Amino acid sequence: MKKSKPVTFDDIAKYTHFSKTTISRYFNNPESLTPQNQKIIAEALKKLDYRANKVARILANGKTEFIGILMPDLYHHFFSRILNEILGTYEEFGYKFLVFVGNSKEEVERRYIQELLAYRIEGLLVLSHTIPSESLAQLQVPVVTIEREDAQVCSVNTDNYLGGQQAAALLADCQCDVLIHVNSPSDPSIPAYGRIRGFEEYCQSHGLPHEVIIRQLDSSQHCDQQLLREVIDYLDTAYQGRKKGVFMANDTLANTFLNLLFRKHGCFPADYQLVGFDNSLTSSESVLPISTIGQQVDQIAAAAITLLQQQMQESKKKKGATQGPIHQIIPPVPLERQTTCRPEPKKG
């Protein structure tokens, strides 16, 4: 079967009776044409079965429409969820994505960034924590980060401090005798540290007995299971006979914690209440649906892409000094499920 010859700008110009310059303007600066002329050319493209030569357009205007994404890992369900939401913005924004997973290795991630720059990305989304924002700000492309240190770059984050307070308030409403927060060592400059601070300050201001347990979590499922098994043994001994409200740093850890409770006790013990953080599928589809502080991932992804697009447009204008970093905060939403139970109100 004979292959059809690719449709050229010259073919479109002859079909529409416009000049090739006008056709070029349609692709590179459509706003410079009247809506009527845009419609005529668009209809001609359909009738001629025009297929854009992406490589030629890149060489002509330097726009690749590529955005780089640097992920720390896909072990945590939050990262896979946010990646899925970002990739789903293609229909609305038209950007294509190059995704690298660095597994929290700075040397590897710096190499990945150079690889992305070699592909002439127009912008970069960073969720990994290894490279400081000072270094990211020196890259020759706009950068927006999500849930990481962001002093010198634009960012979109959850209000983690509010989330920590919401978790403590929920457990307090369940009339727990002691509130416990389990988390990993964290730098105060990282947004997620707000979960610890919000939890502690709520407990302190309301005079609630509490404890923050820091362990080297979030490394692997095997290591997390071993460490959380030790945490459960400690809680069962230190707070025996007391109602324990446990706030885990994320839903991945909350699900592991719940599974270990079932393995040890054969059920979800009556003296435990459990809250996670993220609202990932692992919380809603767990053996018992887990109460959680839900991050609004769809809003975070949309805000990050929108903010990055604005920064890319500003970068192309090149009108003197750019404004300082923009930080957008998305509020979390508490979701009560079967691992928390408020007491029934007393009847009059």
Protein backbone atom coordinates (compact mmCIF):
# COMPACT_ATOMS: atom_id res chain seq x y z
CA MET A 1 0.00 0.00 0.00
CA LYS A 2 1.47 3.33 -1.06
CA LYS A 3 2.16 5.74 1.79
CA SER A 4 0.49 9.14 1.52
CA LYS A 5 2.78 12.14 1.34
CA PRO A 6 2.87 14.24 4.55
CA VAL A 7 0.83 17.44 4.36
CA THR A 8 3.05 20.54 4.39
CA PHE A 9 2.48 24.20 5.24
CA ASP A 10 2.56 24.85 1.49
CA ASP A 11 -0.33 22.39 0.98
CA ILE A 12 -2.36 24.08 3.73
CA ALA A 13 -1.64 27.52 2.26
CA LYS A 14 -2.83 26.47 -1.19
CA TYR A 15 -5.97 24.84 0.24
CA THR A 16 -6.96 27.87 2.35
CA HIS A 17 -5.58 30.56 -0.02
CA PHE A 18 -3.58 31.98 2.87
CA SER A 19 0.16 32.65 2.79
CA LYS A 20 2.61 30.23 4.40
CA THR A 21 3.43 33.01 6.86
CA THR A 22 -0.20 33.06 7.98
CA ILE A 23 -0.20 29.28 8.38
CA SER A 24 3.00 29.51 10.45
CA ARG A 25 1.38 32.16 12.65
CA TYR A 26 -1.54 29.81 13.26
CA PHE A 27 0.81 27.24 14.80
CA ASN A 28 3.17 29.58 16.62
CA ASN A 29 1.04 32.60 17.52
CA PRO A 30 -2.65 31.79 16.88
CA GLU A 31 -3.85 34.85 18.82
CA SER A 32 -2.47 37.03 16.03
CA LEU A 33 -5.16 35.68 13.66
CA THR A 34 -8.87 36.45 13.69
CA PRO A 35 -11.16 33.75 15.13
CA GLN A 36 -12.64 33.30 11.64
CA ASN A 37 -9.24 32.63 10.04
CA GLN A 38 -8.31 30.28 12.88
CA LYS A 39 -11.50 28.32 12.20
CA ILE A 40 -10.80 28.13 8.43
CA ILE A 41 -7.29 26.76 9.02
CA ALA A 42 -8.46 24.33 11.73
CA GLU A 43 -11.10 22.90 9.37
CA ALA A 44 -8.51 22.60 6.60
CA LEU A 45 -6.20 20.62 8.88
CA LYS A 46 -8.98 18.10 9.51
CA LYS A 47 -9.88 17.75 5.81
CA LEU A 48 -6.24 17.39 4.76
CA ASP A 49 -5.59 14.92 7.64
CA TYR A 50 -2.64 17.03 8.75
CA ARG A 51 -0.26 15.45 11.28
CA ALA A 52 2.05 17.85 13.03
CA ASN A 53 5.78 17.28 12.67
CA LYS A 54 6.71 17.67 16.32
CA VAL A 55 10.45 17.50 15.70
CA ALA A 56 10.26 20.28 13.11
CA ARG A 57 8.24 22.47 15.47
CA ILE A 58 10.75 21.97 18.26
CA LEU A 59 13.60 22.95 15.97
CA ALA A 60 11.63 25.95 14.71
CA ASN A 61 10.44 27.51 17.98
CA GLY A 62 12.42 25.70 20.68
CA LYS A 63 9.27 24.58 22.51
CA THR A 64 9.36 20.90 23.44
CA GLU A 65 6.20 20.94 25.60
CA PHE A 66 8.11 18.60 27.93
CA ILE A 67 7.93 18.91 31.71
CA GLY A 68 10.30 16.94 33.91
CA ILE A 69 9.13 15.22 37.10
CA LEU A 70 11.54 14.08 39.81
CA MET A 71 9.97 11.62 42.27
CA PRO A 72 11.59 10.30 45.48
CA ASP A 73 9.96 6.85 45.19
CA LEU A 74 6.68 5.11 44.41
CA TYR A 75 6.63 3.10 47.65
CA HIS A 76 4.36 5.61 49.31
CA HIS A 77 0.90 5.69 47.82
CA PHE A 78 0.80 9.50 47.98
CA PHE A 79 3.54 9.76 45.35
CA SER A 80 1.88 7.34 42.95
CA ARG A 81 -1.42 9.20 43.40
CA ILE A 82 0.08 12.62 42.77
CA LEU A 83 1.94 11.30 39.72
CA ASN A 84 -1.27 9.85 38.31
CA GLU A 85 -3.07 13.18 38.80
CA ILE A 86 -0.24 15.14 37.17
CA LEU A 87 -0.12 12.84 34.14
CA GLY A 88 -3.89 13.25 33.85
CA THR A 89 -3.53 16.99 33.18
CA TYR A 90 -2.34 16.36 29.60
CA GLU A 91 -5.80 16.85 28.10
CA GLU A 92 -6.16 20.25 29.73
CA PHE A 93 -2.64 21.65 29.47
CA GLY A 94 -1.07 19.66 26.61
CA TYR A 95 2.28 19.08 28.32
CA LYS A 96 4.11 15.78 28.06
CA PHE A 97 6.07 14.41 31.02
CA LEU A 98 9.46 12.80 31.53
CA VAL A 99 9.48 11.03 34.89
CA PHE A 100 12.53 9.96 36.91
CA VAL A 101 12.50 8.20 40.30
CA GLY A 102 15.65 8.93 42.30
CA ASN A 103 15.06 6.75 45.39
CA SER A 104 16.34 9.62 47.55
CA LYS A 105 19.91 9.44 46.19
CA GLU A 106 21.20 12.96 45.63
CA GLU A 107 23.97 12.06 43.18
CA VAL A 108 21.55 10.04 41.07
CA GLU A 109 18.91 12.77 41.12
CA ARG A 110 21.39 15.46 40.08
CA ARG A 111 22.33 13.26 37.12
CA TYR A 112 18.66 12.82 36.27
CA ILE A 113 18.14 16.58 36.29
CA GLN A 114 20.99 17.02 33.79
CA GLU A 115 19.35 14.34 31.65
CA LEU A 116 16.05 16.21 31.77
CA LEU A 117 17.73 19.49 30.85
CA ALA A 118 19.33 17.73 27.87
CA TYR A 119 15.79 16.97 26.66
CA ARG A 120 15.12 20.73 26.76
CA ILE A 121 12.30 20.51 29.28
CA GLU A 122 10.34 23.74 29.71
CA GLY A 123 9.70 23.25 33.42
CA LEU A 124 10.42 20.91 36.33
CA LEU A 125 8.23 19.46 39.10
CA VAL A 126 10.17 18.15 42.11
CA LEU A 127 8.77 16.00 44.91
CA SER A 128 12.10 14.57 46.09
CA HIS A 129 13.87 15.99 49.15
CA THR A 130 17.56 15.44 48.43
CA ILE A 131 18.48 18.58 46.48
CA PRO A 132 18.09 21.92 48.33
CA SER A 133 15.90 24.62 46.82
CA GLU A 134 18.96 26.87 46.53
CA SER A 135 20.37 24.49 43.91
CA LEU A 136 17.01 24.08 42.16
CA ALA A 137 16.62 27.86 41.92
CA GLN A 138 19.87 28.03 39.92
CA LEU A 139 18.58 25.78 37.14
CA GLN A 140 17.79 27.44 33.84
CA VAL A 141 14.14 26.31 33.90
CA PRO A 142 11.15 27.21 36.11
CA VAL A 143 10.74 24.86 39.07
CA VAL A 144 7.73 24.07 41.26
CA THR A 145 8.09 21.70 44.20
CA ILE A 146 5.46 19.67 46.04
CA GLU A 147 5.71 18.80 49.76
CA ARG A 148 9.42 19.55 50.22
CA GLU A 149 11.77 22.34 51.34
CA ASP A 150 10.91 25.34 49.17
CA ALA A 151 12.60 28.48 50.51
CA GLN A 152 13.90 29.60 47.09
CA VAL A 153 11.47 28.04 44.60
CA CYS A 154 7.72 28.08 43.98
CA SER A 155 5.73 25.34 45.66
CA VAL A 156 2.38 23.73 46.34
CA ASN A 157 1.94 22.05 49.72
CA THR A 158 -0.72 20.69 52.01
CA ASP A 159 -1.35 22.62 55.22
CA ASN A 160 0.44 19.93 57.23
CA TYR A 161 0.26 21.90 60.48
CA LEU A 162 -3.52 22.06 60.22
CA GLY A 163 -3.54 18.34 59.38
CA GLY A 164 -1.61 17.51 62.55
CA GLN A 165 -4.10 19.52 64.60
CA GLN A 166 -7.05 17.84 62.87
CA ALA A 167 -5.66 14.39 63.68
CA ALA A 168 -5.13 15.27 67.35
CA ALA A 169 -8.61 16.80 67.58
CA LEU A 170 -10.24 13.71 66.09
CA LEU A 171 -8.46 11.37 68.50
CA ALA A 172 -9.31 13.67 71.41
CA ASP A 173 -12.98 13.58 70.39
CA CYS A 174 -12.75 9.77 70.55
CA GLN A 175 -11.90 10.24 74.26
CA CYS A 176 -8.49 8.61 74.06
CA ASP A 177 -6.49 8.58 77.29
CA VAL A 178 -3.20 9.26 75.53
CA LEU A 179 -2.38 10.51 72.04
CA ILE A 180 0.65 9.16 70.16
CA HIS A 181 2.18 10.39 66.92
CA VAL A 182 4.58 8.10 65.04
CA ASN A 183 6.83 9.70 62.44
CA SER A 184 10.30 9.63 60.86
CA PRO A 185 13.18 12.02 61.60
CA SER A 186 12.35 15.19 59.67
CA ASP A 187 13.96 18.54 59.02
CA PRO A 188 11.74 21.43 60.23
CA SER A 189 12.14 23.06 56.80
CA ILE A 190 10.18 20.22 55.16
CA PRO A 191 6.41 20.90 55.02
CA ALA A 192 5.52 17.45 56.44
CA TYR A 193 7.24 18.45 59.70
CA GLY A 194 4.13 20.54 60.28
CA ARG A 195 2.26 17.32 61.10
CA ILE A 196 4.48 16.84 64.16
CA ARG A 197 4.28 20.48 65.21
CA GLY A 198 0.51 20.74 64.73
CA PHE A 199 -0.09 17.53 66.71
CA GLU A 200 2.19 18.55 69.59
CA GLU A 201 0.88 22.10 69.89
CA TYR A 202 -2.75 20.97 69.85
CA CYS A 203 -2.07 18.46 72.62
CA GLN A 204 -0.12 21.01 74.68
CA SER A 205 -2.73 23.75 74.32
CA HIS A 206 -5.53 21.35 75.32
CA GLY A 207 -3.61 19.68 78.16
CA LEU A 208 -3.75 16.24 76.53
CA PRO A 209 -1.30 13.47 77.55
CA HIS A 210 0.73 12.67 74.45
CA GLU A 211 3.96 11.26 73.07
CA VAL A 212 5.79 11.66 69.76
CA ILE A 213 7.69 8.53 68.69
CA ILE A 214 10.40 9.07 66.09
CA ARG A 215 11.78 6.05 64.25
CA GLN A 216 13.75 5.65 61.01
CA LEU A 217 10.68 4.68 59.01
CA ASP A 218 9.77 4.96 55.31
CA SER A 219 12.77 2.98 54.06
CA SER A 220 11.20 -0.35 53.04
CA GLN A 221 8.20 -2.49 53.93
CA HIS A 222 10.37 -5.03 55.76
CA CYS A 223 12.13 -2.41 57.90
CA ASP A 224 8.88 -0.55 58.59
CA GLN A 225 7.20 -3.73 59.77
CA GLN A 226 10.02 -4.51 62.20
CA LEU A 227 10.10 -1.00 63.66
CA LEU A 228 6.32 -0.72 63.98
CA ARG A 229 6.13 -4.15 65.58
CA GLU A 230 8.47 -2.78 68.26
CA VAL A 231 6.34 0.36 68.60
CA ILE A 232 3.19 -1.74 69.19
CA ASP A 233 4.96 -3.83 71.83
CA TYR A 234 6.06 -0.63 73.55
CA LEU A 235 2.57 0.92 73.45
CA ASP A 236 0.91 -2.26 74.75
CA THR A 237 3.28 -2.24 77.73
CA ALA A 238 3.66 1.48 78.47
CA TYR A 239 -0.04 2.30 78.12
CA GLN A 240 -1.66 -0.98 79.14
CA GLY A 241 -5.34 -0.56 79.95
CA ARG A 242 -5.42 2.98 78.51
CA LYS A 243 -7.21 4.01 75.33
CA LYS A 244 -4.49 4.89 72.81
CA GLY A 245 -5.08 7.30 69.94
CA VAL A 246 -2.37 6.76 67.32
CA PHE A 247 -1.68 9.24 64.51
CA MET A 248 0.63 7.77 61.85
CA ALA A 249 2.70 9.97 59.54
CA ASN A 250 1.04 8.58 56.39
CA ASP A 251 -1.49 6.00 55.22
CA THR A 252 1.19 3.54 54.08
CA LEU A 253 2.49 3.31 57.64
CA ALA A 254 -1.03 3.37 59.10
CA ASN A 255 -1.99 0.34 57.02
CA THR A 256 1.16 -1.52 58.10
CA PHE A 257 0.43 -0.60 61.74
CA LEU A 258 -3.15 -1.87 61.45
CA ASN A 259 -2.06 -5.16 59.86
CA LEU A 260 0.46 -5.73 62.65
CA LEU A 261 -2.21 -5.11 65.30
CA PHE A 262 -4.38 -7.77 63.66
CA ARG A 263 -1.48 -10.21 63.54
CA LYS A 264 -0.67 -9.71 67.22
CA HIS A 265 -4.18 -9.48 68.69
CA GLY A 266 -6.33 -11.18 66.06
CA CYS A 267 -8.48 -8.04 65.76
CA PHE A 268 -8.38 -4.27 65.97
CA PRO A 269 -8.07 -3.89 69.75
CA ALA A 270 -10.76 -1.88 71.53
CA ASP A 271 -8.10 0.23 73.28
CA TYR A 272 -6.74 1.61 69.99
CA GLN A 273 -7.92 4.39 67.70
CA LEU A 274 -5.97 5.02 64.49
CA VAL A 275 -5.60 7.95 62.08
CA GLY A 276 -3.41 8.13 58.98
CA PHE A 277 -2.50 10.94 56.61
CA ASP A 278 -2.94 11.20 52.80
CA ASN A 279 -6.28 9.53 51.93
CA SER A 280 -4.58 7.06 49.60
CA LEU A 281 -6.36 3.92 48.41
CA THR A 282 -4.52 1.89 51.03
CA SER A 283 -6.55 3.67 53.71
CA SER A 284 -10.00 3.19 52.18
CA GLU A 285 -9.35 -0.38 50.99
CA SER A 286 -7.63 -1.65 54.14
CA VAL A 287 -8.96 -4.65 56.12
CA LEU A 288 -10.66 -1.92 58.17
CA PRO A 289 -11.07 1.40 56.35
CA ILE A 290 -8.66 3.76 58.11
CA SER A 291 -9.60 7.24 59.29
CA THR A 292 -7.23 9.72 57.72
CA ILE A 293 -6.39 13.36 57.15
CA GLY A 294 -6.98 13.61 53.42
CA GLN A 295 -4.65 15.51 51.15
CA GLN A 296 -6.57 16.97 48.21
CA VAL A 297 -4.28 15.44 45.61
CA ASP A 298 -6.35 16.54 42.61
CA GLN A 299 -6.14 20.16 43.75
CA ILE A 300 -2.42 19.88 44.53
CA ALA A 301 -1.63 18.50 41.06
CA ALA A 302 -3.77 21.07 39.24
CA ALA A 303 -2.30 23.93 41.28
CA ALA A 304 1.27 22.72 40.64
CA ILE A 305 0.80 22.50 36.87
CA THR A 306 -1.00 25.86 36.75
CA LEU A 307 1.72 27.54 38.82
CA LEU A 308 4.47 25.98 36.70
CA GLN A 309 2.75 27.14 33.51
CA GLN A 310 2.60 30.68 34.91
CA GLN A 311 6.29 30.56 35.78
CA MET A 312 7.17 29.28 32.31
CA GLN A 313 5.23 32.11 30.71
CA GLU A 314 6.93 34.66 32.96
CA SER A 315 10.32 33.15 32.13
CA LYS A 316 9.71 33.58 28.40
CA LYS A 317 8.85 37.27 28.82
CA LYS A 318 12.28 37.97 30.35
CA LYS A 319 11.28 41.39 31.63
CA GLY A 320 13.86 42.16 34.27
CA ALA A 321 13.95 40.55 37.68
CA THR A 322 11.36 37.93 38.46
CA GLN A 323 9.20 38.03 41.58
CA GLY A 324 9.99 35.93 44.63
CA PRO A 325 8.82 32.34 45.08
CA ILE A 326 5.08 31.73 45.24
CA HIS A 327 3.86 29.23 47.84
CA GLN A 328 0.35 27.83 47.58
CA ILE A 329 -1.22 25.95 50.50
CA ILE A 330 -4.05 23.42 50.08
CA PRO A 331 -6.09 22.56 53.23
CA PRO A 332 -6.49 18.90 54.22
CA VAL A 333 -9.86 17.23 54.90
CA PRO A 334 -10.43 14.84 57.85
CA LEU A 335 -12.13 11.58 56.84
CA GLU A 336 -13.58 9.43 59.61
CA ARG A 337 -13.77 5.70 58.96
CA GLN A 338 -13.79 2.51 61.03
CA THR A 339 -10.55 2.95 62.98
CA THR A 340 -11.97 5.87 65.00
CA CYS A 341 -15.23 5.97 66.89
CA ARG A 342 -16.65 8.97 68.70
CA PRO A 343 -18.74 8.14 71.77
CA GLU A 344 -22.51 8.33 71.33
CA PRO A 345 -23.88 11.62 72.68
CA LYS A 346 -25.66 11.26 76.00
CA LYS A 347 -29.43 11.46 75.75
CA GLY A 348 -31.08 14.36 77.54
